[in-house]
């Protein structure tokens, strides 16, 4: 081999190494700082306790709960803590639409969007004789209960 082929081989190897290093470094994800400024607020649906979780604490709580939401409350330890949003207009905290029974809108600023829950109550069963039943009775009627 002559020196020209050796030089070309060294240059190709150097360029390949540089390309590999660039690819590995560009795919590296910078860690999220674990500071109070990066904390997220959670609220318990049972005791209404509001608490902050940093990214590291969120990861630990997700592992403890076995899922992203709900997490365990820092106050009462009920598995009913969800991330909360704060209304830009009034400062009220409210749950997002991913929380069961929540519309994801501020209940103070947008009360019309807060849909009432429908609860079906079973009516008392009366002993009926064939003479008392004059028309077919349908299923029990739903009772509207406001969300709180």
N, C-alpha and C. Protein backbone atom coordinates (compact mmCIF):
# COMPACT_ATOMS: atom_id res chain seq x y z
N UNK A 1 0.83 -1.18 0.00
CA UNK A 1 0.00 0.00 0.00
C UNK A 1 0.87 1.24 0.00
N UNK A 2 0.36 2.20 -0.65
CA UNK A 2 1.15 3.42 -0.63
C UNK A 2 0.60 4.36 0.45
N UNK A 3 1.34 5.41 0.72
CA UNK A 3 1.00 6.33 1.80
C UNK A 3 -0.29 7.09 1.51
N UNK A 4 -0.63 7.24 0.22
CA UNK A 4 -1.86 7.95 -0.13
C UNK A 4 -3.09 7.17 0.37
N UNK A 5 -3.10 5.85 0.23
CA UNK A 5 -4.21 5.03 0.69
C UNK A 5 -4.31 5.02 2.21
N UNK A 6 -3.20 5.04 2.89
CA UNK A 6 -3.17 5.07 4.35
C UNK A 6 -3.76 6.38 4.85
N UNK A 7 -3.36 7.50 4.22
CA UNK A 7 -3.88 8.81 4.63
C UNK A 7 -5.40 8.87 4.42
N UNK A 8 -5.88 8.35 3.31
CA UNK A 8 -7.33 8.35 3.04
C UNK A 8 -8.05 7.50 4.08
N UNK A 9 -7.48 6.36 4.44
CA UNK A 9 -8.07 5.48 5.45
C UNK A 9 -8.15 6.15 6.81
N UNK A 10 -7.09 6.86 7.19
CA UNK A 10 -7.07 7.57 8.48
C UNK A 10 -8.12 8.68 8.47
N UNK A 11 -8.23 9.41 7.38
CA UNK A 11 -9.20 10.51 7.29
C UNK A 11 -10.63 9.95 7.37
N UNK A 12 -10.92 8.87 6.66
CA UNK A 12 -12.26 8.26 6.69
C UNK A 12 -12.58 7.76 8.11
N UNK A 13 -11.63 7.13 8.77
CA UNK A 13 -11.85 6.64 10.13
C UNK A 13 -12.09 7.80 11.09
N UNK A 14 -11.35 8.88 10.96
CA UNK A 14 -11.51 10.05 11.82
C UNK A 14 -12.89 10.68 11.61
N UNK A 15 -13.30 10.78 10.35
CA UNK A 15 -14.61 11.37 10.05
C UNK A 15 -15.74 10.48 10.58
N UNK A 16 -15.59 9.19 10.47
CA UNK A 16 -16.60 8.26 10.99
C UNK A 16 -16.71 8.36 12.50
N UNK A 17 -15.57 8.46 13.17
CA UNK A 17 -15.56 8.60 14.63
C UNK A 17 -16.22 9.92 15.03
N UNK A 18 -15.92 10.99 14.32
CA UNK A 18 -16.51 12.29 14.61
C UNK A 18 -18.04 12.25 14.41
N UNK A 19 -18.49 11.57 13.35
CA UNK A 19 -19.92 11.47 13.10
C UNK A 19 -20.62 10.68 14.20
N UNK A 20 -20.02 9.59 14.66
CA UNK A 20 -20.61 8.80 15.73
C UNK A 20 -20.68 9.60 17.03
N UNK A 21 -19.62 10.31 17.36
CA UNK A 21 -19.63 11.14 18.57
C UNK A 21 -20.71 12.21 18.49
N UNK A 22 -20.86 12.83 17.34
CA UNK A 22 -21.89 13.86 17.16
C UNK A 22 -23.29 13.27 17.36
N UNK A 23 -23.52 12.08 16.81
CA UNK A 23 -24.84 11.45 16.94
C UNK A 23 -25.16 11.12 18.38
N UNK A 24 -24.21 10.56 19.11
CA UNK A 24 -24.46 10.19 20.50
C UNK A 24 -24.66 11.41 21.38
N UNK A 25 -23.91 12.46 21.16
CA UNK A 25 -24.04 13.66 21.97
C UNK A 25 -25.32 14.44 21.64
N UNK A 26 -25.75 14.43 20.39
CA UNK A 26 -26.95 15.18 20.03
C UNK A 26 -28.22 14.49 20.53
N UNK A 27 -28.19 13.19 20.79
CA UNK A 27 -29.35 12.46 21.29
C UNK A 27 -29.44 12.48 22.80
N UNK A 28 -28.43 12.99 23.47
CA UNK A 28 -28.44 13.02 24.93
C UNK A 28 -29.51 13.99 25.42
N UNK A 29 -30.33 13.54 26.36
CA UNK A 29 -31.39 14.37 26.92
C UNK A 29 -30.84 15.05 28.17
N UNK A 30 -30.99 16.35 28.21
CA UNK A 30 -30.54 17.07 29.38
C UNK A 30 -31.51 16.81 30.52
N UNK A 31 -31.02 16.54 31.72
CA UNK A 31 -31.92 16.27 32.84
C UNK A 31 -32.69 17.53 33.23
N UNK A 32 -33.94 17.33 33.66
CA UNK A 32 -34.76 18.44 34.14
C UNK A 32 -34.25 18.80 35.53
N UNK A 33 -34.00 20.09 35.78
CA UNK A 33 -33.54 20.45 37.11
C UNK A 33 -34.57 20.10 38.17
N UNK A 34 -34.11 19.59 39.28
CA UNK A 34 -34.99 19.19 40.38
C UNK A 34 -34.97 20.28 41.44
N UNK A 35 -35.66 21.38 41.15
CA UNK A 35 -35.67 22.54 42.04
C UNK A 35 -37.11 22.91 42.37
N UNK A 36 -37.30 23.73 43.39
CA UNK A 36 -38.67 24.19 43.70
C UNK A 36 -39.34 24.91 42.54
N UNK A 37 -38.55 25.53 41.67
CA UNK A 37 -39.12 26.23 40.51
C UNK A 37 -39.72 25.27 39.50
N UNK A 38 -39.27 24.03 39.48
CA UNK A 38 -39.79 23.05 38.53
C UNK A 38 -40.88 22.17 39.15
N UNK A 39 -41.26 22.46 40.39
CA UNK A 39 -42.27 21.66 41.08
C UNK A 39 -43.65 21.88 40.46
N UNK A 40 -44.49 20.86 40.57
CA UNK A 40 -45.85 20.88 40.04
C UNK A 40 -46.80 20.67 41.23
N UNK A 41 -47.94 21.37 41.20
CA UNK A 41 -48.89 21.24 42.30
C UNK A 41 -49.86 20.10 42.05
N UNK A 42 -50.13 19.35 43.12
CA UNK A 42 -51.11 18.28 43.12
C UNK A 42 -52.11 18.57 44.23
N UNK A 43 -53.34 18.06 44.05
CA UNK A 43 -54.40 18.27 45.04
C UNK A 43 -55.14 16.97 45.24
N UNK A 44 -55.46 16.69 46.50
CA UNK A 44 -56.19 15.47 46.84
C UNK A 44 -57.69 15.74 46.74
N UNK A 45 -58.40 14.84 46.09
CA UNK A 45 -59.85 14.99 45.97
C UNK A 45 -60.56 14.65 47.28
N UNK A 46 -59.88 13.94 48.19
CA UNK A 46 -60.51 13.54 49.44
C UNK A 46 -60.39 14.63 50.50
N UNK A 47 -59.15 15.05 50.80
CA UNK A 47 -58.93 16.02 51.89
C UNK A 47 -58.62 17.43 51.40
N UNK A 48 -58.57 17.64 50.07
CA UNK A 48 -58.31 18.95 49.46
C UNK A 48 -56.90 19.48 49.74
N UNK A 49 -56.00 18.63 50.23
CA UNK A 49 -54.62 19.04 50.50
C UNK A 49 -53.91 19.35 49.17
N UNK A 50 -53.22 20.49 49.12
CA UNK A 50 -52.44 20.87 47.94
C UNK A 50 -50.97 20.76 48.32
N UNK A 51 -50.18 20.10 47.47
CA UNK A 51 -48.76 19.92 47.75
C UNK A 51 -47.97 19.96 46.45
N UNK A 52 -46.69 20.31 46.57
CA UNK A 52 -45.79 20.42 45.42
C UNK A 52 -44.94 19.17 45.29
N UNK A 53 -44.71 18.75 44.05
CA UNK A 53 -43.81 17.63 43.76
C UNK A 53 -42.82 18.06 42.69
N UNK A 54 -41.54 17.85 42.96
CA UNK A 54 -40.50 18.13 41.97
C UNK A 54 -40.44 16.94 41.01
N UNK A 55 -39.76 17.08 39.87
CA UNK A 55 -39.69 15.96 38.92
C UNK A 55 -39.20 14.65 39.53
N UNK A 56 -38.20 14.71 40.40
CA UNK A 56 -37.69 13.49 41.03
C UNK A 56 -38.74 12.88 41.95
N UNK A 57 -39.45 13.74 42.72
CA UNK A 57 -40.49 13.25 43.61
C UNK A 57 -41.67 12.69 42.82
N UNK A 58 -41.99 13.31 41.69
CA UNK A 58 -43.08 12.80 40.85
C UNK A 58 -42.74 11.39 40.37
N UNK A 59 -41.50 11.21 39.91
CA UNK A 59 -41.09 9.89 39.44
C UNK A 59 -41.20 8.85 40.56
N UNK A 60 -40.78 9.20 41.77
CA UNK A 60 -40.88 8.28 42.90
C UNK A 60 -42.34 7.97 43.25
N UNK A 61 -43.20 8.99 43.21
CA UNK A 61 -44.62 8.80 43.52
C UNK A 61 -45.33 7.96 42.45
N UNK A 62 -44.94 8.14 41.19
CA UNK A 62 -45.52 7.34 40.10
C UNK A 62 -45.15 5.88 40.29
N UNK A 63 -43.90 5.62 40.65
CA UNK A 63 -43.47 4.24 40.90
C UNK A 63 -44.23 3.65 42.08
N UNK A 64 -44.44 4.46 43.13
CA UNK A 64 -45.15 4.01 44.33
C UNK A 64 -46.62 3.70 43.99
N UNK A 65 -47.25 4.57 43.20
CA UNK A 65 -48.67 4.40 42.85
C UNK A 65 -48.87 3.37 41.75
N UNK A 66 -47.82 3.13 40.94
CA UNK A 66 -47.94 2.18 39.84
C UNK A 66 -48.60 2.76 38.60
N UNK A 67 -48.80 4.08 38.58
CA UNK A 67 -49.43 4.75 37.44
C UNK A 67 -49.18 6.25 37.55
N UNK A 68 -49.47 6.97 36.45
CA UNK A 68 -49.25 8.42 36.44
C UNK A 68 -50.24 9.17 37.30
N UNK A 69 -51.49 8.74 37.32
CA UNK A 69 -52.51 9.41 38.12
C UNK A 69 -53.61 8.41 38.44
N UNK A 70 -54.19 8.48 39.57
CA UNK A 70 -53.89 9.37 40.68
C UNK A 70 -52.67 8.91 41.47
N UNK A 71 -52.09 9.85 42.20
CA UNK A 71 -50.97 9.55 43.09
C UNK A 71 -51.49 9.54 44.54
N UNK A 72 -50.62 9.12 45.45
CA UNK A 72 -51.00 9.12 46.86
C UNK A 72 -50.87 10.53 47.42
N UNK A 73 -51.86 10.93 48.22
CA UNK A 73 -51.87 12.25 48.85
C UNK A 73 -50.79 12.32 49.92
N UNK A 74 -50.11 13.46 50.00
CA UNK A 74 -49.08 13.66 51.01
C UNK A 74 -49.69 13.90 52.39
N UNK A 75 -50.99 14.23 52.43
CA UNK A 75 -51.66 14.51 53.70
C UNK A 75 -52.37 13.30 54.28
N UNK A 76 -53.33 12.73 53.52
CA UNK A 76 -54.16 11.65 54.04
C UNK A 76 -53.79 10.28 53.48
N UNK A 77 -52.86 10.22 52.54
CA UNK A 77 -52.37 8.99 51.92
C UNK A 77 -53.41 8.28 51.06
N UNK A 78 -54.51 8.97 50.74
CA UNK A 78 -55.49 8.39 49.82
C UNK A 78 -54.93 8.47 48.40
N UNK A 79 -55.24 7.51 47.58
CA UNK A 79 -54.76 7.49 46.19
C UNK A 79 -55.73 8.31 45.35
N UNK A 80 -55.79 9.62 45.61
CA UNK A 80 -56.73 10.52 44.95
C UNK A 80 -56.09 11.87 44.63
N UNK A 81 -54.77 11.94 44.51
CA UNK A 81 -54.10 13.21 44.23
C UNK A 81 -53.85 13.34 42.73
N UNK A 82 -54.31 14.46 42.18
CA UNK A 82 -54.16 14.76 40.76
C UNK A 82 -53.47 16.12 40.59
N UNK A 83 -52.86 16.31 39.46
CA UNK A 83 -52.24 17.59 39.12
C UNK A 83 -53.34 18.64 38.98
N UNK A 84 -53.09 19.84 39.49
CA UNK A 84 -54.09 20.90 39.40
C UNK A 84 -53.58 22.04 38.53
N UNK A 85 -54.53 22.77 37.96
CA UNK A 85 -54.23 23.98 37.19
C UNK A 85 -54.73 25.16 38.00
N UNK A 86 -54.17 26.33 37.72
CA UNK A 86 -54.61 27.54 38.37
C UNK A 86 -55.21 28.47 37.33
N UNK A 87 -56.40 28.99 37.61
CA UNK A 87 -57.09 29.88 36.69
C UNK A 87 -56.33 31.19 36.55
N UNK A 88 -56.11 31.62 35.32
CA UNK A 88 -55.41 32.88 35.06
C UNK A 88 -56.23 34.09 35.50
N UNK A 89 -57.56 33.96 35.49
CA UNK A 89 -58.43 35.10 35.83
C UNK A 89 -58.57 35.30 37.34
N UNK A 90 -58.91 34.23 38.06
CA UNK A 90 -59.24 34.40 39.48
C UNK A 90 -58.29 33.70 40.45
N UNK A 91 -57.41 32.84 39.94
CA UNK A 91 -56.46 32.15 40.82
C UNK A 91 -56.99 30.88 41.44
N UNK A 92 -58.23 30.51 41.13
CA UNK A 92 -58.83 29.29 41.66
C UNK A 92 -58.10 28.07 41.10
N UNK A 93 -57.88 27.07 41.95
CA UNK A 93 -57.27 25.83 41.48
C UNK A 93 -58.37 24.86 41.09
N UNK A 94 -58.14 24.13 39.98
CA UNK A 94 -59.13 23.18 39.51
C UNK A 94 -58.43 22.01 38.83
N UNK A 95 -59.15 20.90 38.75
CA UNK A 95 -58.61 19.70 38.12
C UNK A 95 -58.80 19.77 36.62
N UNK A 96 -57.90 19.11 35.89
CA UNK A 96 -57.98 19.05 34.44
C UNK A 96 -59.04 18.05 33.99
N UNK A 97 -59.29 17.98 32.69
CA UNK A 97 -60.33 17.09 32.17
C UNK A 97 -60.00 15.60 32.32
N UNK A 98 -58.75 15.27 32.61
CA UNK A 98 -58.38 13.86 32.77
C UNK A 98 -58.84 13.30 34.12
N UNK A 99 -59.27 14.18 35.03
CA UNK A 99 -59.72 13.75 36.35
C UNK A 99 -61.20 13.38 36.27
N UNK A 100 -61.57 12.20 36.75
CA UNK A 100 -62.98 11.79 36.69
C UNK A 100 -63.89 12.82 37.37
N UNK A 101 -64.96 13.23 36.68
CA UNK A 101 -65.92 14.18 37.22
C UNK A 101 -65.54 15.63 37.04
N UNK A 102 -64.41 15.90 36.38
CA UNK A 102 -63.97 17.28 36.17
C UNK A 102 -64.12 17.66 34.70
N UNK A 103 -64.44 18.95 34.47
CA UNK A 103 -64.57 19.43 33.09
C UNK A 103 -63.27 20.02 32.57
N UNK A 104 -62.34 20.34 33.48
CA UNK A 104 -61.09 20.96 33.07
C UNK A 104 -61.18 22.46 32.97
N UNK A 105 -62.30 23.03 33.44
CA UNK A 105 -62.48 24.48 33.40
C UNK A 105 -62.64 25.01 34.83
N UNK A 106 -62.29 26.26 35.02
CA UNK A 106 -62.42 26.89 36.34
C UNK A 106 -63.89 26.92 36.73
N UNK A 107 -64.25 26.36 37.89
CA UNK A 107 -65.66 26.34 38.29
C UNK A 107 -66.20 27.72 38.67
N UNK A 108 -65.33 28.66 39.02
CA UNK A 108 -65.79 30.02 39.37
C UNK A 108 -66.02 30.85 38.12
N UNK A 109 -65.10 30.80 37.17
CA UNK A 109 -65.20 31.63 35.97
C UNK A 109 -66.11 31.03 34.91
N UNK A 110 -66.23 29.73 34.89
CA UNK A 110 -67.04 29.05 33.87
C UNK A 110 -68.00 28.06 34.53
N UNK A 111 -68.91 28.53 35.37
CA UNK A 111 -69.80 27.59 36.08
C UNK A 111 -70.73 26.83 35.13
N UNK A 112 -71.03 27.40 33.98
CA UNK A 112 -71.93 26.72 33.04
C UNK A 112 -71.29 25.47 32.45
N UNK A 113 -69.95 25.42 32.45
CA UNK A 113 -69.28 24.25 31.88
C UNK A 113 -69.16 23.11 32.88
N UNK A 114 -69.50 23.39 34.14
CA UNK A 114 -69.42 22.35 35.16
C UNK A 114 -70.69 21.52 35.07
N UNK A 115 -70.56 20.35 34.50
CA UNK A 115 -71.72 19.49 34.27
C UNK A 115 -72.11 18.79 35.57
N UNK A 116 -73.38 18.73 35.87
CA UNK A 116 -73.81 18.02 37.07
C UNK A 116 -73.65 16.52 36.88
N UNK A 117 -73.38 15.85 37.99
CA UNK A 117 -73.30 14.40 37.95
C UNK A 117 -74.70 13.83 37.95
N UNK A 118 -74.87 12.72 37.31
CA UNK A 118 -76.17 12.05 37.30
C UNK A 118 -76.05 10.81 38.16
N UNK A 119 -76.90 10.73 39.17
CA UNK A 119 -76.88 9.60 40.08
C UNK A 119 -78.22 8.88 39.94
N UNK A 120 -78.17 7.61 39.71
CA UNK A 120 -79.40 6.83 39.59
C UNK A 120 -79.65 6.15 40.93
N UNK A 121 -80.77 6.48 41.52
CA UNK A 121 -81.15 5.86 42.79
C UNK A 121 -82.21 4.81 42.52
N UNK A 122 -82.10 3.73 43.24
CA UNK A 122 -83.12 2.71 43.09
C UNK A 122 -84.31 3.08 43.94
N UNK A 123 -85.47 2.99 43.35
CA UNK A 123 -86.70 3.28 44.08
C UNK A 123 -87.05 2.08 44.95
N UNK A 124 -87.79 2.38 46.01
CA UNK A 124 -88.23 1.30 46.88
C UNK A 124 -89.11 0.34 46.10
N UNK A 125 -88.90 -0.92 46.34
CA UNK A 125 -89.71 -1.93 45.66
C UNK A 125 -90.96 -2.17 46.49
N UNK A 126 -92.10 -1.93 45.89
CA UNK A 126 -93.37 -2.14 46.58
C UNK A 126 -93.94 -3.48 46.14
N UNK A 127 -94.63 -4.07 47.06
CA UNK A 127 -95.33 -5.29 46.69
C UNK A 127 -96.54 -4.86 45.89
N UNK A 128 -96.65 -5.38 44.71
CA UNK A 128 -97.73 -4.96 43.83
C UNK A 128 -98.64 -6.14 43.52
N UNK A 129 -99.88 -5.82 43.46
CA UNK A 129 -100.82 -6.83 43.00
C UNK A 129 -101.16 -6.49 41.57
N UNK A 130 -101.72 -7.43 40.86
CA UNK A 130 -102.03 -7.19 39.45
C UNK A 130 -103.06 -6.07 39.29
N UNK A 131 -103.88 -5.80 40.28
CA UNK A 131 -104.88 -4.75 40.19
C UNK A 131 -104.23 -3.36 40.30
N UNK A 132 -103.08 -3.23 41.06
CA UNK A 132 -102.44 -1.94 41.26
C UNK A 132 -101.62 -1.50 40.05
N UNK A 133 -101.15 -2.43 39.26
CA UNK A 133 -100.30 -2.09 38.13
C UNK A 133 -101.19 -1.81 36.93
N UNK A 134 -101.27 -0.51 36.57
CA UNK A 134 -102.12 -0.15 35.45
C UNK A 134 -101.32 0.17 34.21
N UNK A 135 -100.08 0.64 34.38
CA UNK A 135 -99.23 0.90 33.22
C UNK A 135 -97.82 0.40 33.52
N UNK A 136 -97.09 0.14 32.49
CA UNK A 136 -95.73 -0.39 32.65
C UNK A 136 -94.83 0.68 33.23
N UNK A 137 -94.08 0.31 34.25
CA UNK A 137 -93.15 1.26 34.87
C UNK A 137 -91.80 1.14 34.19
N UNK A 138 -91.18 2.26 33.90
CA UNK A 138 -89.87 2.28 33.26
C UNK A 138 -88.76 2.21 34.29
N UNK A 139 -87.53 2.39 33.83
CA UNK A 139 -86.39 2.37 34.75
C UNK A 139 -86.45 3.59 35.67
N UNK A 140 -85.72 3.54 36.81
CA UNK A 140 -85.74 4.69 37.72
C UNK A 140 -85.22 5.94 37.05
N UNK A 141 -85.79 7.08 37.39
CA UNK A 141 -85.39 8.35 36.80
C UNK A 141 -84.12 8.84 37.49
N UNK A 142 -83.17 9.43 36.71
CA UNK A 142 -81.94 9.92 37.32
C UNK A 142 -82.20 11.17 38.15
N UNK A 143 -81.39 11.31 39.19
CA UNK A 143 -81.46 12.48 40.06
C UNK A 143 -80.21 13.28 39.79
N UNK A 144 -80.30 14.58 39.56
CA UNK A 144 -79.16 15.44 39.24
C UNK A 144 -78.55 15.94 40.53
N UNK A 145 -77.23 15.72 40.67
CA UNK A 145 -76.49 16.16 41.85
C UNK A 145 -75.38 17.09 41.37
N UNK A 146 -75.24 18.29 41.94
CA UNK A 146 -74.18 19.20 41.48
C UNK A 146 -72.80 18.69 41.84
N UNK A 147 -71.80 19.02 41.00
CA UNK A 147 -70.39 18.68 41.26
C UNK A 147 -69.82 19.64 42.29
N UNK A 148 -69.01 19.15 43.15
CA UNK A 148 -68.30 20.01 44.10
C UNK A 148 -66.83 19.73 44.02
